[in-house]
Amino acid sequence: MLLELIRNKNSFPFDYYKEILNNYRQIIHTLNIQDIQAYAEELPKNKMIMETLRLEVF
């Protein structure tokens, strides 16, 4: 769901998008980051997704 949020971030109001990202930051230690990155590499817009993950989530 995190990857879909990032892929479609322009569909959400900015404050709602940031609130959801902040919630992911709070549970980042429970997420399997390697799997998330592997899935992101397979998606369209993967460079944008990886950059957003690096800057806004991890």
PDB file of N, CA and C in Angstrom:
ATOM      1  N   MET A   1       0.819  -1.190   0.000  1.00  0.00           N
ATOM      2  CA  MET A   1       0.000   0.000   0.000  1.00  0.00           C
ATOM      3  C   MET A   1       0.868   1.260   0.000  1.00  0.00           C
ATOM      4  N   LEU A   2       2.006   1.178   0.648  1.00  0.00           N
ATOM      5  CA  LEU A   2       2.921   2.317   0.659  1.00  0.00           C
ATOM      6  C   LEU A   2       3.336   2.688  -0.760  1.00  0.00           C
ATOM      7  N   LEU A   3       3.656   1.701  -1.556  1.00  0.00           N
ATOM      8  CA  LEU A   3       4.084   1.971  -2.931  1.00  0.00           C
ATOM      9  C   LEU A   3       2.955   2.559  -3.769  1.00  0.00           C
ATOM     10  N   GLU A   4       1.755   2.082  -3.570  1.00  0.00           N
ATOM     11  CA  GLU A   4       0.612   2.633  -4.303  1.00  0.00           C
ATOM     12  C   GLU A   4       0.336   4.066  -3.865  1.00  0.00           C
ATOM     13  N   LEU A   5       0.510   4.346  -2.599  1.00  0.00           N
ATOM     14  CA  LEU A   5       0.360   5.721  -2.113  1.00  0.00           C
ATOM     15  C   LEU A   5       1.338   6.640  -2.834  1.00  0.00           C
ATOM     16  N   ILE A   6       2.584   6.211  -2.915  1.00  0.00           N
ATOM     17  CA  ILE A   6       3.604   7.031  -3.563  1.00  0.00           C
ATOM     18  C   ILE A   6       3.323   7.174  -5.056  1.00  0.00           C
ATOM     19  N   ARG A   7       2.943   6.084  -5.703  1.00  0.00           N
ATOM     20  CA  ARG A   7       2.653   6.134  -7.143  1.00  0.00           C
ATOM     21  C   ARG A   7       1.517   7.088  -7.465  1.00  0.00           C
ATOM     22  N   ASN A   8       0.553   7.201  -6.546  1.00  0.00           N
ATOM     23  CA  ASN A   8      -0.644   7.995  -6.795  1.00  0.00           C
ATOM     24  C   ASN A   8      -0.740   9.205  -5.878  1.00  0.00           C
ATOM     25  N   LYS A   9       0.394   9.722  -5.453  1.00  0.00           N
ATOM     26  CA  LYS A   9       0.373  10.803  -4.462  1.00  0.00           C
ATOM     27  C   LYS A   9      -0.321  12.064  -4.957  1.00  0.00           C
ATOM     28  N   ASN A  10      -0.362  12.281  -6.245  1.00  0.00           N
ATOM     29  CA  ASN A  10      -1.046  13.468  -6.768  1.00  0.00           C
ATOM     30  C   ASN A  10      -2.559  13.346  -6.696  1.00  0.00           C
ATOM     31  N   SER A  11      -3.067  12.162  -6.398  1.00  0.00           N
ATOM     32  CA  SER A  11      -4.506  11.943  -6.269  1.00  0.00           C
ATOM     33  C   SER A  11      -5.023  12.300  -4.883  1.00  0.00           C
ATOM     34  N   PHE A  12      -4.108  12.506  -3.937  1.00  0.00           N
ATOM     35  CA  PHE A  12      -4.484  12.774  -2.556  1.00  0.00           C
ATOM     36  C   PHE A  12      -4.223  14.231  -2.207  1.00  0.00           C
ATOM     37  N   PRO A  13      -5.020  14.782  -1.297  1.00  0.00           N
ATOM     38  CA  PRO A  13      -4.661  16.103  -0.755  1.00  0.00           C
ATOM     39  C   PRO A  13      -3.300  16.000  -0.064  1.00  0.00           C
ATOM     40  N   PHE A  14      -2.496  17.028  -0.183  1.00  0.00           N
ATOM     41  CA  PHE A  14      -1.129  17.000   0.327  1.00  0.00           C
ATOM     42  C   PHE A  14      -1.073  16.660   1.813  1.00  0.00           C
ATOM     43  N   ASP A  15      -1.919  17.270   2.618  1.00  0.00           N
ATOM     44  CA  ASP A  15      -1.869  17.014   4.061  1.00  0.00           C
ATOM     45  C   ASP A  15      -2.246  15.572   4.397  1.00  0.00           C
ATOM     46  N   TYR A  16      -3.159  14.987   3.662  1.00  0.00           N
ATOM     47  CA  TYR A  16      -3.538  13.587   3.872  1.00  0.00           C
ATOM     48  C   TYR A  16      -2.384  12.661   3.493  1.00  0.00           C
ATOM     49  N   TYR A  17      -1.743  12.943   2.363  1.00  0.00           N
ATOM     50  CA  TYR A  17      -0.580  12.177   1.915  1.00  0.00           C
ATOM     51  C   TYR A  17       0.526  12.209   2.970  1.00  0.00           C
ATOM     52  N   LYS A  18       0.825  13.380   3.485  1.00  0.00           N
ATOM     53  CA  LYS A  18       1.877  13.524   4.496  1.00  0.00           C
ATOM     54  C   LYS A  18       1.509  12.815   5.798  1.00  0.00           C
ATOM     55  N   GLU A  19       0.252  12.846   6.177  1.00  0.00           N
ATOM     56  CA  GLU A  19      -0.187  12.155   7.382  1.00  0.00           C
ATOM     57  C   GLU A  19       0.025  10.645   7.251  1.00  0.00           C
ATOM     58  N   ILE A  20      -0.326  10.096   6.098  1.00  0.00           N
ATOM     59  CA  ILE A  20      -0.138   8.661   5.876  1.00  0.00           C
ATOM     60  C   ILE A  20       1.355   8.313   5.887  1.00  0.00           C
ATOM     61  N   LEU A  21       2.179   9.121   5.232  1.00  0.00           N
ATOM     62  CA  LEU A  21       3.622   8.875   5.246  1.00  0.00           C
ATOM     63  C   LEU A  21       4.188   8.926   6.660  1.00  0.00           C
ATOM     64  N   ASN A  22       3.733   9.859   7.441  1.00  0.00           N
ATOM     65  CA  ASN A  22       4.190   9.936   8.834  1.00  0.00           C
ATOM     66  C   ASN A  22       3.830   8.676   9.609  1.00  0.00           C
ATOM     67  N   ASN A  23       2.670   8.114   9.320  1.00  0.00           N
ATOM     68  CA  ASN A  23       2.288   6.855   9.973  1.00  0.00           C
ATOM     69  C   ASN A  23       3.221   5.728   9.554  1.00  0.00           C
ATOM     70  N   TYR A  24       3.616   5.687   8.294  1.00  0.00           N
ATOM     71  CA  TYR A  24       4.576   4.667   7.852  1.00  0.00           C
ATOM     72  C   TYR A  24       5.931   4.871   8.514  1.00  0.00           C
ATOM     73  N   ARG A  25       6.347   6.118   8.698  1.00  0.00           N
ATOM     74  CA  ARG A  25       7.622   6.375   9.363  1.00  0.00           C
ATOM     75  C   ARG A  25       7.630   5.839  10.792  1.00  0.00           C
ATOM     76  N   GLN A  26       6.481   5.869  11.441  1.00  0.00           N
ATOM     77  CA  GLN A  26       6.395   5.386  12.819  1.00  0.00           C
ATOM     78  C   GLN A  26       6.544   3.871  12.909  1.00  0.00           C
ATOM     79  N   ILE A  27       6.226   3.153  11.828  1.00  0.00           N
ATOM     80  CA  ILE A  27       6.316   1.690  11.870  1.00  0.00           C
ATOM     81  C   ILE A  27       7.419   1.162  10.950  1.00  0.00           C
ATOM     82  N   ILE A  28       8.324   2.024  10.531  1.00  0.00           N
ATOM     83  CA  ILE A  28       9.346   1.635   9.562  1.00  0.00           C
ATOM     84  C   ILE A  28      10.185   0.464  10.062  1.00  0.00           C
ATOM     85  N   HIS A  29      10.405   0.368  11.353  1.00  0.00           N
ATOM     86  CA  HIS A  29      11.219  -0.724  11.904  1.00  0.00           C
ATOM     87  C   HIS A  29      10.535  -2.082  11.779  1.00  0.00           C
ATOM     88  N   THR A  30       9.225  -2.120  11.537  1.00  0.00           N
ATOM     89  CA  THR A  30       8.505  -3.389  11.394  1.00  0.00           C
ATOM     90  C   THR A  30       8.344  -3.803   9.932  1.00  0.00           C
ATOM     91  N   LEU A  31       8.708  -2.929   9.004  1.00  0.00           N
ATOM     92  CA  LEU A  31       8.544  -3.221   7.580  1.00  0.00           C
ATOM     93  C   LEU A  31       9.782  -3.912   7.023  1.00  0.00           C
ATOM     94  N   ASN A  32       9.583  -4.750   6.041  1.00  0.00           N
ATOM     95  CA  ASN A  32      10.695  -5.406   5.362  1.00  0.00           C
ATOM     96  C   ASN A  32      11.125  -4.494   4.203  1.00  0.00           C
ATOM     97  N   ILE A  33      12.115  -3.688   4.464  1.00  0.00           N
ATOM     98  CA  ILE A  33      12.550  -2.666   3.518  1.00  0.00           C
ATOM     99  C   ILE A  33      13.081  -3.282   2.225  1.00  0.00           C
ATOM    100  N   GLN A  34      13.770  -4.405   2.321  1.00  0.00           N
ATOM    101  CA  GLN A  34      14.301  -5.053   1.116  1.00  0.00           C
ATOM    102  C   GLN A  34      13.173  -5.493   0.193  1.00  0.00           C
ATOM    103  N   ASP A  35      12.101  -6.036   0.751  1.00  0.00           N
ATOM    104  CA  ASP A  35      10.961  -6.438  -0.074  1.00  0.00           C
ATOM    105  C   ASP A  35      10.298  -5.228  -0.717  1.00  0.00           C
ATOM    106  N   ILE A  36      10.144  -4.159   0.035  1.00  0.00           N
ATOM    107  CA  ILE A  36       9.526  -2.945  -0.502  1.00  0.00           C
ATOM    108  C   ILE A  36      10.349  -2.413  -1.671  1.00  0.00           C
ATOM    109  N   GLN A  37      11.662  -2.384  -1.511  1.00  0.00           N
ATOM    110  CA  GLN A  37      12.525  -1.908  -2.586  1.00  0.00           C
ATOM    111  C   GLN A  37      12.475  -2.832  -3.797  1.00  0.00           C
ATOM    112  N   ALA A  38      12.408  -4.133  -3.565  1.00  0.00           N
ATOM    113  CA  ALA A  38      12.322  -5.086  -4.673  1.00  0.00           C
ATOM    114  C   ALA A  38      11.016  -4.899  -5.441  1.00  0.00           C
ATOM    115  N   TYR A  39       9.909  -4.723  -4.724  1.00  0.00           N
ATOM    116  CA  TYR A  39       8.628  -4.483  -5.391  1.00  0.00           C
ATOM    117  C   TYR A  39       8.664  -3.167  -6.164  1.00  0.00           C
ATOM    118  N   ALA A  40       9.252  -2.160  -5.576  1.00  0.00           N
ATOM    119  CA  ALA A  40       9.306  -0.842  -6.221  1.00  0.00           C
ATOM    120  C   ALA A  40      10.069  -0.894  -7.533  1.00  0.00           C
ATOM    121  N   GLU A  41      11.106  -1.695  -7.590  1.00  0.00           N
ATOM    122  CA  GLU A  41      11.902  -1.820  -8.819  1.00  0.00           C
ATOM    123  C   GLU A  41      11.087  -2.385  -9.979  1.00  0.00           C
ATOM    124  N   GLU A  42      10.042  -3.129  -9.685  1.00  0.00           N
ATOM    125  CA  GLU A  42       9.224  -3.761 -10.720  1.00  0.00           C
ATOM    126  C   GLU A  42       8.094  -2.864 -11.236  1.00  0.00           C
ATOM    127  N   LEU A  43       7.856  -1.757 -10.581  1.00  0.00           N
ATOM    128  CA  LEU A  43       6.724  -0.895 -10.930  1.00  0.00           C
ATOM    129  C   LEU A  43       7.095   0.148 -11.974  1.00  0.00           C
ATOM    130  N   PRO A  44       6.076   0.604 -12.715  1.00  0.00           N
ATOM    131  CA  PRO A  44       6.320   1.781 -13.558  1.00  0.00           C
ATOM    132  C   PRO A  44       6.699   2.956 -12.653  1.00  0.00           C
ATOM    133  N   LYS A  45       7.430   3.895 -13.164  1.00  0.00           N
ATOM    134  CA  LYS A  45       7.892   5.061 -12.396  1.00  0.00           C
ATOM    135  C   LYS A  45       8.812   4.651 -11.249  1.00  0.00           C
ATOM    136  N   ASN A  46       9.556   3.561 -11.423  1.00  0.00           N
ATOM    137  CA  ASN A  46      10.341   3.053 -10.303  1.00  0.00           C
ATOM    138  C   ASN A  46      11.415   4.016  -9.819  1.00  0.00           C
ATOM    139  N   LYS A  47      11.980   4.825 -10.683  1.00  0.00           N
ATOM    140  CA  LYS A  47      12.987   5.790 -10.232  1.00  0.00           C
ATOM    141  C   LYS A  47      12.364   6.834  -9.306  1.00  0.00           C
ATOM    142  N   MET A  48      11.189   7.325  -9.662  1.00  0.00           N
ATOM    143  CA  MET A  48      10.494   8.303  -8.831  1.00  0.00           C
ATOM    144  C   MET A  48      10.094   7.676  -7.497  1.00  0.00           C
ATOM    145  N   ILE A  49       9.625   6.437  -7.530  1.00  0.00           N
ATOM    146  CA  ILE A  49       9.198   5.752  -6.313  1.00  0.00           C
ATOM    147  C   ILE A  49      10.392   5.539  -5.381  1.00  0.00           C
ATOM    148  N   MET A  50      11.501   5.068  -5.920  1.00  0.00           N
ATOM    149  CA  MET A  50      12.687   4.832  -5.100  1.00  0.00           C
ATOM    150  C   MET A  50      13.204   6.134  -4.487  1.00  0.00           C
ATOM    151  N   GLU A  51      13.201   7.192  -5.255  1.00  0.00           N
ATOM    152  CA  GLU A  51      13.651   8.489  -4.741  1.00  0.00           C
ATOM    153  C   GLU A  51      12.729   8.983  -3.629  1.00  0.00           C
ATOM    154  N   THR A  52      11.430   8.845  -3.816  1.00  0.00           N
ATOM    155  CA  THR A  52      10.468   9.256  -2.794  1.00  0.00           C
ATOM    156  C   THR A  52      10.626   8.414  -1.538  1.00  0.00           C
ATOM    157  N   LEU A  53      10.799   7.115  -1.692  1.00  0.00           N
ATOM    158  CA  LEU A  53      11.036   6.264  -0.523  1.00  0.00           C
ATOM    159  C   LEU A  53      12.270   6.724   0.230  1.00  0.00           C
ATOM    160  N   ARG A  54      13.337   6.983  -0.499  1.00  0.00           N
ATOM    161  CA  ARG A  54      14.590   7.395   0.130  1.00  0.00           C
ATOM    162  C   ARG A  54      14.458   8.731   0.853  1.00  0.00           C
ATOM    163  N   LEU A  55      13.790   9.693   0.238  1.00  0.00           N
ATOM    164  CA  LEU A  55      13.708  11.036   0.809  1.00  0.00           C
ATOM    165  C   LEU A  55      12.617  11.212   1.846  1.00  0.00           C
ATOM    166  N   GLU A  56      11.481  10.539   1.658  1.00  0.00           N
ATOM    167  CA  GLU A  56      10.329  10.838   2.492  1.00  0.00           C
ATOM    168  C   GLU A  56       9.972   9.747   3.499  1.00  0.00           C
ATOM    169  N   VAL A  57      10.456   8.528   3.302  1.00  0.00           N
ATOM    170  CA  VAL A  57      10.029   7.444   4.185  1.00  0.00           C
ATOM    171  C   VAL A  57      11.196   6.904   5.006  1.00  0.00           C
ATOM    172  N   PHE A  58      12.266   6.447   4.351  1.00  0.00           N
ATOM    173  CA  PHE A  58      13.356   5.780   5.055  1.00  0.00           C
ATOM    174  C   PHE A  58      14.194   6.741   5.797  1.00  0.00           C
TER     175      PHE A  58
END
